[in-house]
Amino acid sequence: MAATLAEDPEWSAQAWEQLSHSVDQLTSGEAYRFHAFELPEDHPACVLGVDVDFILDEEDVLRVVS
């Protein structure tokens, strides 16, 4: 079996700290801002282009950020 960096507790903790912000925001009911290129390719909002920013607000409404 190949060893990965995720098996290193220090690296794993650092990776979780960097990658968990969006999950933390969403689970705590906060608004989350993200870029269109983070959406799945078949998402209807992709017709707006990849250089658009969105916010998923506290009421789970997806809005374009101007």
PDB file of N, CA and C in Angstrom:
ATOM      1  N   MET A   1       0.847  -1.178   0.000  1.00  0.00           N
ATOM      2  CA  MET A   1       0.000   0.000   0.000  1.00  0.00           C
ATOM      3  C   MET A   1       0.894   1.244   0.000  1.00  0.00           C
ATOM      4  N   ALA A   2       0.520   2.226  -0.759  1.00  0.00           N
ATOM      5  CA  ALA A   2       1.304   3.456  -0.858  1.00  0.00           C
ATOM      6  C   ALA A   2       0.967   4.399   0.297  1.00  0.00           C
ATOM      7  N   ALA A   3       1.973   5.044   0.825  1.00  0.00           N
ATOM      8  CA  ALA A   3       1.765   6.038   1.876  1.00  0.00           C
ATOM      9  C   ALA A   3       1.368   7.361   1.237  1.00  0.00           C
ATOM     10  N   THR A   4       0.504   8.103   1.897  1.00  0.00           N
ATOM     11  CA  THR A   4       0.097   9.418   1.412  1.00  0.00           C
ATOM     12  C   THR A   4       0.360  10.468   2.477  1.00  0.00           C
ATOM     13  N   LEU A   5       0.353  11.728   2.037  1.00  0.00           N
ATOM     14  CA  LEU A   5       0.548  12.811   2.999  1.00  0.00           C
ATOM     15  C   LEU A   5      -0.598  12.887   3.995  1.00  0.00           C
ATOM     16  N   ALA A   6      -1.783  12.393   3.602  1.00  0.00           N
ATOM     17  CA  ALA A   6      -2.929  12.430   4.507  1.00  0.00           C
ATOM     18  C   ALA A   6      -2.716  11.556   5.736  1.00  0.00           C
ATOM     19  N   GLU A   7      -1.790  10.610   5.655  1.00  0.00           N
ATOM     20  CA  GLU A   7      -1.503   9.758   6.801  1.00  0.00           C
ATOM     21  C   GLU A   7      -0.642  10.468   7.844  1.00  0.00           C
ATOM     22  N   ASP A   8      -0.028  11.578   7.453  1.00  0.00           N
ATOM     23  CA  ASP A   8       0.774  12.376   8.373  1.00  0.00           C
ATOM     24  C   ASP A   8      -0.172  13.280   9.151  1.00  0.00           C
ATOM     25  N   PRO A   9      -0.303  13.107  10.453  1.00  0.00           N
ATOM     26  CA  PRO A   9      -1.277  13.894  11.234  1.00  0.00           C
ATOM     27  C   PRO A   9      -1.093  15.406  11.115  1.00  0.00           C
ATOM     28  N   GLU A  10       0.138  15.868  11.056  1.00  0.00           N
ATOM     29  CA  GLU A  10       0.370  17.312  10.951  1.00  0.00           C
ATOM     30  C   GLU A  10      -0.126  17.845   9.609  1.00  0.00           C
ATOM     31  N   TRP A  11       0.196  17.149   8.516  1.00  0.00           N
ATOM     32  CA  TRP A  11      -0.257  17.574   7.194  1.00  0.00           C
ATOM     33  C   TRP A  11      -1.762  17.449   7.085  1.00  0.00           C
ATOM     34  N   SER A  12      -2.308  16.381   7.603  1.00  0.00           N
ATOM     35  CA  SER A  12      -3.750  16.155   7.537  1.00  0.00           C
ATOM     36  C   SER A  12      -4.502  17.280   8.246  1.00  0.00           C
ATOM     37  N   ALA A  13      -4.030  17.695   9.398  1.00  0.00           N
ATOM     38  CA  ALA A  13      -4.663  18.790  10.137  1.00  0.00           C
ATOM     39  C   ALA A  13      -4.574  20.094   9.354  1.00  0.00           C
ATOM     40  N   GLN A  14      -3.439  20.352   8.720  1.00  0.00           N
ATOM     41  CA  GLN A  14      -3.269  21.568   7.935  1.00  0.00           C
ATOM     42  C   GLN A  14      -4.194  21.554   6.721  1.00  0.00           C
ATOM     43  N   ALA A  15      -4.295  20.413   6.060  1.00  0.00           N
ATOM     44  CA  ALA A  15      -5.184  20.298   4.899  1.00  0.00           C
ATOM     45  C   ALA A  15      -6.629  20.524   5.313  1.00  0.00           C
ATOM     46  N   TRP A  16      -7.041  19.921   6.416  1.00  0.00           N
ATOM     47  CA  TRP A  16      -8.418  20.100   6.886  1.00  0.00           C
ATOM     48  C   TRP A  16      -8.681  21.569   7.215  1.00  0.00           C
ATOM     49  N   GLU A  17      -7.737  22.229   7.846  1.00  0.00           N
ATOM     50  CA  GLU A  17      -7.901  23.641   8.192  1.00  0.00           C
ATOM     51  C   GLU A  17      -8.111  24.490   6.944  1.00  0.00           C
ATOM     52  N   GLN A  18      -7.369  24.199   5.892  1.00  0.00           N
ATOM     53  CA  GLN A  18      -7.466  24.977   4.657  1.00  0.00           C
ATOM     54  C   GLN A  18      -8.741  24.664   3.870  1.00  0.00           C
ATOM     55  N   LEU A  19      -9.167  23.415   3.871  1.00  0.00           N
ATOM     56  CA  LEU A  19     -10.253  22.985   3.007  1.00  0.00           C
ATOM     57  C   LEU A  19     -11.628  22.977   3.671  1.00  0.00           C
ATOM     58  N   SER A  20     -11.691  23.134   4.974  1.00  0.00           N
ATOM     59  CA  SER A  20     -12.969  22.989   5.665  1.00  0.00           C
ATOM     60  C   SER A  20     -13.742  24.287   5.833  1.00  0.00           C
ATOM     61  N   HIS A  21     -13.187  25.425   5.420  1.00  0.00           N
ATOM     62  CA  HIS A  21     -13.864  26.708   5.645  1.00  0.00           C
ATOM     63  C   HIS A  21     -15.253  26.748   5.020  1.00  0.00           C
ATOM     64  N   SER A  22     -15.382  26.281   3.796  1.00  0.00           N
ATOM     65  CA  SER A  22     -16.691  26.321   3.150  1.00  0.00           C
ATOM     66  C   SER A  22     -17.681  25.424   3.873  1.00  0.00           C
ATOM     67  N   VAL A  23     -17.241  24.262   4.305  1.00  0.00           N
ATOM     68  CA  VAL A  23     -18.125  23.352   5.038  1.00  0.00           C
ATOM     69  C   VAL A  23     -18.525  23.985   6.359  1.00  0.00           C
ATOM     70  N   ASP A  24     -17.574  24.583   7.049  1.00  0.00           N
ATOM     71  CA  ASP A  24     -17.871  25.230   8.326  1.00  0.00           C
ATOM     72  C   ASP A  24     -18.896  26.345   8.153  1.00  0.00           C
ATOM     73  N   GLN A  25     -18.729  27.158   7.116  1.00  0.00           N
ATOM     74  CA  GLN A  25     -19.672  28.252   6.866  1.00  0.00           C
ATOM     75  C   GLN A  25     -21.065  27.721   6.577  1.00  0.00           C
ATOM     76  N   LEU A  26     -21.152  26.724   5.719  1.00  0.00           N
ATOM     77  CA  LEU A  26     -22.453  26.191   5.336  1.00  0.00           C
ATOM     78  C   LEU A  26     -23.149  25.499   6.498  1.00  0.00           C
ATOM     79  N   THR A  27     -22.417  24.733   7.296  1.00  0.00           N
ATOM     80  CA  THR A  27     -23.046  24.026   8.409  1.00  0.00           C
ATOM     81  C   THR A  27     -23.461  24.960   9.535  1.00  0.00           C
ATOM     82  N   SER A  28     -22.814  26.121   9.629  1.00  0.00           N
ATOM     83  CA  SER A  28     -23.192  27.070  10.675  1.00  0.00           C
ATOM     84  C   SER A  28     -24.240  28.071  10.187  1.00  0.00           C
ATOM     85  N   GLY A  29     -24.701  27.908   8.947  1.00  0.00           N
ATOM     86  CA  GLY A  29     -25.761  28.771   8.435  1.00  0.00           C
ATOM     87  C   GLY A  29     -25.288  30.110   7.913  1.00  0.00           C
ATOM     88  N   GLU A  30     -23.996  30.262   7.688  1.00  0.00           N
ATOM     89  CA  GLU A  30     -23.450  31.514   7.159  1.00  0.00           C
ATOM     90  C   GLU A  30     -23.501  31.504   5.631  1.00  0.00           C
ATOM     91  N   ALA A  31     -23.428  32.676   5.057  1.00  0.00           N
ATOM     92  CA  ALA A  31     -23.350  32.797   3.602  1.00  0.00           C
ATOM     93  C   ALA A  31     -21.970  32.331   3.147  1.00  0.00           C
ATOM     94  N   TYR A  32     -21.926  31.767   1.941  1.00  0.00           N
ATOM     95  CA  TYR A  32     -20.670  31.266   1.386  1.00  0.00           C
ATOM     96  C   TYR A  32     -20.479  31.839  -0.004  1.00  0.00           C
ATOM     97  N   ARG A  33     -19.349  32.490  -0.226  1.00  0.00           N
ATOM     98  CA  ARG A  33     -19.031  33.085  -1.529  1.00  0.00           C
ATOM     99  C   ARG A  33     -18.083  32.163  -2.280  1.00  0.00           C
ATOM    100  N   PHE A  34     -18.335  31.980  -3.586  1.00  0.00           N
ATOM    101  CA  PHE A  34     -17.489  31.116  -4.394  1.00  0.00           C
ATOM    102  C   PHE A  34     -17.518  31.558  -5.848  1.00  0.00           C
ATOM    103  N   HIS A  35     -16.660  30.961  -6.656  1.00  0.00           N
ATOM    104  CA  HIS A  35     -16.522  31.293  -8.071  1.00  0.00           C
ATOM    105  C   HIS A  35     -17.298  30.294  -8.931  1.00  0.00           C
ATOM    106  N   ALA A  36     -17.727  30.728 -10.094  1.00  0.00           N
ATOM    107  CA  ALA A  36     -18.511  29.879 -10.993  1.00  0.00           C
ATOM    108  C   ALA A  36     -17.748  28.630 -11.404  1.00  0.00           C
ATOM    109  N   PHE A  37     -16.420  28.715 -11.515  1.00  0.00           N
ATOM    110  CA  PHE A  37     -15.666  27.539 -11.939  1.00  0.00           C
ATOM    111  C   PHE A  37     -15.701  26.417 -10.902  1.00  0.00           C
ATOM    112  N   GLU A  38     -16.220  26.703  -9.693  1.00  0.00           N
ATOM    113  CA  GLU A  38     -16.357  25.669  -8.672  1.00  0.00           C
ATOM    114  C   GLU A  38     -17.658  24.874  -8.823  1.00  0.00           C
ATOM    115  N   LEU A  39     -18.555  25.331  -9.686  1.00  0.00           N
ATOM    116  CA  LEU A  39     -19.825  24.630  -9.908  1.00  0.00           C
ATOM    117  C   LEU A  39     -19.624  23.426 -10.815  1.00  0.00           C
ATOM    118  N   PRO A  40     -20.510  22.429 -10.718  1.00  0.00           N
ATOM    119  CA  PRO A  40     -20.449  21.320 -11.673  1.00  0.00           C
ATOM    120  C   PRO A  40     -20.701  21.847 -13.090  1.00  0.00           C
ATOM    121  N   GLU A  41     -20.116  21.203 -14.079  1.00  0.00           N
ATOM    122  CA  GLU A  41     -20.211  21.676 -15.463  1.00  0.00           C
ATOM    123  C   GLU A  41     -21.645  21.802 -15.956  1.00  0.00           C
ATOM    124  N   ASP A  42     -22.545  20.971 -15.454  1.00  0.00           N
ATOM    125  CA  ASP A  42     -23.923  20.982 -15.933  1.00  0.00           C
ATOM    126  C   ASP A  42     -24.858  21.856 -15.093  1.00  0.00           C
ATOM    127  N   HIS A  43     -24.298  22.644 -14.168  1.00  0.00           N
ATOM    128  CA  HIS A  43     -25.133  23.523 -13.342  1.00  0.00           C
ATOM    129  C   HIS A  43     -25.705  24.644 -14.215  1.00  0.00           C
ATOM    130  N   PRO A  44     -26.998  24.961 -14.074  1.00  0.00           N
ATOM    131  CA  PRO A  44     -27.618  26.001 -14.910  1.00  0.00           C
ATOM    132  C   PRO A  44     -26.936  27.372 -14.820  1.00  0.00           C
ATOM    133  N   ALA A  45     -26.337  27.687 -13.688  1.00  0.00           N
ATOM    134  CA  ALA A  45     -25.695  28.997 -13.523  1.00  0.00           C
ATOM    135  C   ALA A  45     -24.406  29.123 -14.324  1.00  0.00           C
ATOM    136  N   CYS A  46     -23.889  28.031 -14.859  1.00  0.00           N
ATOM    137  CA  CYS A  46     -22.647  28.075 -15.641  1.00  0.00           C
ATOM    138  C   CYS A  46     -22.810  28.847 -16.949  1.00  0.00           C
ATOM    139  N   VAL A  47     -24.030  29.071 -17.376  1.00  0.00           N
ATOM    140  CA  VAL A  47     -24.235  29.839 -18.614  1.00  0.00           C
ATOM    141  C   VAL A  47     -23.771  31.281 -18.444  1.00  0.00           C
ATOM    142  N   LEU A  48     -23.581  31.720 -17.216  1.00  0.00           N
ATOM    143  CA  LEU A  48     -23.132  33.091 -16.952  1.00  0.00           C
ATOM    144  C   LEU A  48     -21.629  33.252 -17.159  1.00  0.00           C
ATOM    145  N   GLY A  49     -20.905  32.149 -17.274  1.00  0.00           N
ATOM    146  CA  GLY A  49     -19.465  32.204 -17.468  1.00  0.00           C
ATOM    147  C   GLY A  49     -18.705  31.782 -16.231  1.00  0.00           C
ATOM    148  N   VAL A  50     -17.413  31.531 -16.402  1.00  0.00           N
ATOM    149  CA  VAL A  50     -16.597  31.063 -15.282  1.00  0.00           C
ATOM    150  C   VAL A  50     -16.009  32.197 -14.451  1.00  0.00           C
ATOM    151  N   ASP A  51     -16.134  33.427 -14.926  1.00  0.00           N
ATOM    152  CA  ASP A  51     -15.548  34.553 -14.192  1.00  0.00           C
ATOM    153  C   ASP A  51     -16.569  35.273 -13.313  1.00  0.00           C
ATOM    154  N   VAL A  52     -17.655  34.596 -12.985  1.00  0.00           N
ATOM    155  CA  VAL A  52     -18.716  35.173 -12.158  1.00  0.00           C
ATOM    156  C   VAL A  52     -18.555  34.667 -10.727  1.00  0.00           C
ATOM    157  N   ASP A  53     -18.824  35.529  -9.759  1.00  0.00           N
ATOM    158  CA  ASP A  53     -18.826  35.118  -8.360  1.00  0.00           C
ATOM    159  C   ASP A  53     -20.268  34.969  -7.893  1.00  0.00           C
ATOM    160  N   PHE A  54     -20.459  34.004  -7.021  1.00  0.00           N
ATOM    161  CA  PHE A  54     -21.775  33.744  -6.450  1.00  0.00           C
ATOM    162  C   PHE A  54     -21.697  33.786  -4.937  1.00  0.00           C
ATOM    163  N   ILE A  55     -22.849  33.921  -4.337  1.00  0.00           N
ATOM    164  CA  ILE A  55     -22.962  33.760  -2.894  1.00  0.00           C
ATOM    165  C   ILE A  55     -24.173  32.874  -2.643  1.00  0.00           C
ATOM    166  N   LEU A  56     -23.974  31.865  -1.824  1.00  0.00           N
ATOM    167  CA  LEU A  56     -25.064  31.036  -1.348  1.00  0.00           C
ATOM    168  C   LEU A  56     -25.407  31.601   0.018  1.00  0.00           C
ATOM    169  N   ASP A  57     -26.558  32.265   0.096  1.00  0.00           N
ATOM    170  CA  ASP A  57     -26.856  33.004   1.324  1.00  0.00           C
ATOM    171  C   ASP A  57     -27.416  32.098   2.415  1.00  0.00           C
ATOM    172  N   GLU A  58     -27.733  32.712   3.537  1.00  0.00           N
ATOM    173  CA  GLU A  58     -28.193  32.002   4.712  1.00  0.00           C
ATOM    174  C   GLU A  58     -29.494  31.247   4.481  1.00  0.00           C
ATOM    175  N   GLU A  59     -30.252  31.648   3.457  1.00  0.00           N
ATOM    176  CA  GLU A  59     -31.528  31.006   3.153  1.00  0.00           C
ATOM    177  C   GLU A  59     -31.389  30.032   1.979  1.00  0.00           C
ATOM    178  N   ASP A  60     -30.169  29.638   1.665  1.00  0.00           N
ATOM    179  CA  ASP A  60     -29.859  28.700   0.575  1.00  0.00           C
ATOM    180  C   ASP A  60     -30.303  29.224  -0.792  1.00  0.00           C
ATOM    181  N   VAL A  61     -30.212  30.524  -0.974  1.00  0.00           N
ATOM    182  CA  VAL A  61     -30.512  31.147  -2.263  1.00  0.00           C
ATOM    183  C   VAL A  61     -29.183  31.495  -2.926  1.00  0.00           C
ATOM    184  N   LEU A  62     -29.030  31.067  -4.180  1.00  0.00           N
ATOM    185  CA  LEU A  62     -27.815  31.343  -4.927  1.00  0.00           C
ATOM    186  C   LEU A  62     -27.971  32.672  -5.643  1.00  0.00           C
ATOM    187  N   ARG A  63     -27.050  33.599  -5.391  1.00  0.00           N
ATOM    188  CA  ARG A  63     -27.120  34.933  -5.984  1.00  0.00           C
ATOM    189  C   ARG A  63     -25.801  35.279  -6.674  1.00  0.00           C
ATOM    190  N   VAL A  64     -25.883  36.055  -7.743  1.00  0.00           N
ATOM    191  CA  VAL A  64     -24.693  36.563  -8.410  1.00  0.00           C
ATOM    192  C   VAL A  64     -24.187  37.750  -7.595  1.00  0.00           C
ATOM    193  N   VAL A  65     -22.890  37.786  -7.383  1.00  0.00           N
ATOM    194  CA  VAL A  65     -22.270  38.899  -6.656  1.00  0.00           C
ATOM    195  C   VAL A  65     -21.835  39.929  -7.687  1.00  0.00           C
ATOM    196  N   SER A  66     -22.270  41.157  -7.502  1.00  0.00           N
ATOM    197  CA  SER A  66     -21.910  42.211  -8.464  1.00  0.00           C
ATOM    198  C   SER A  66     -20.683  42.976  -8.022  1.00  0.00           C
TER     199      SER A  66
END
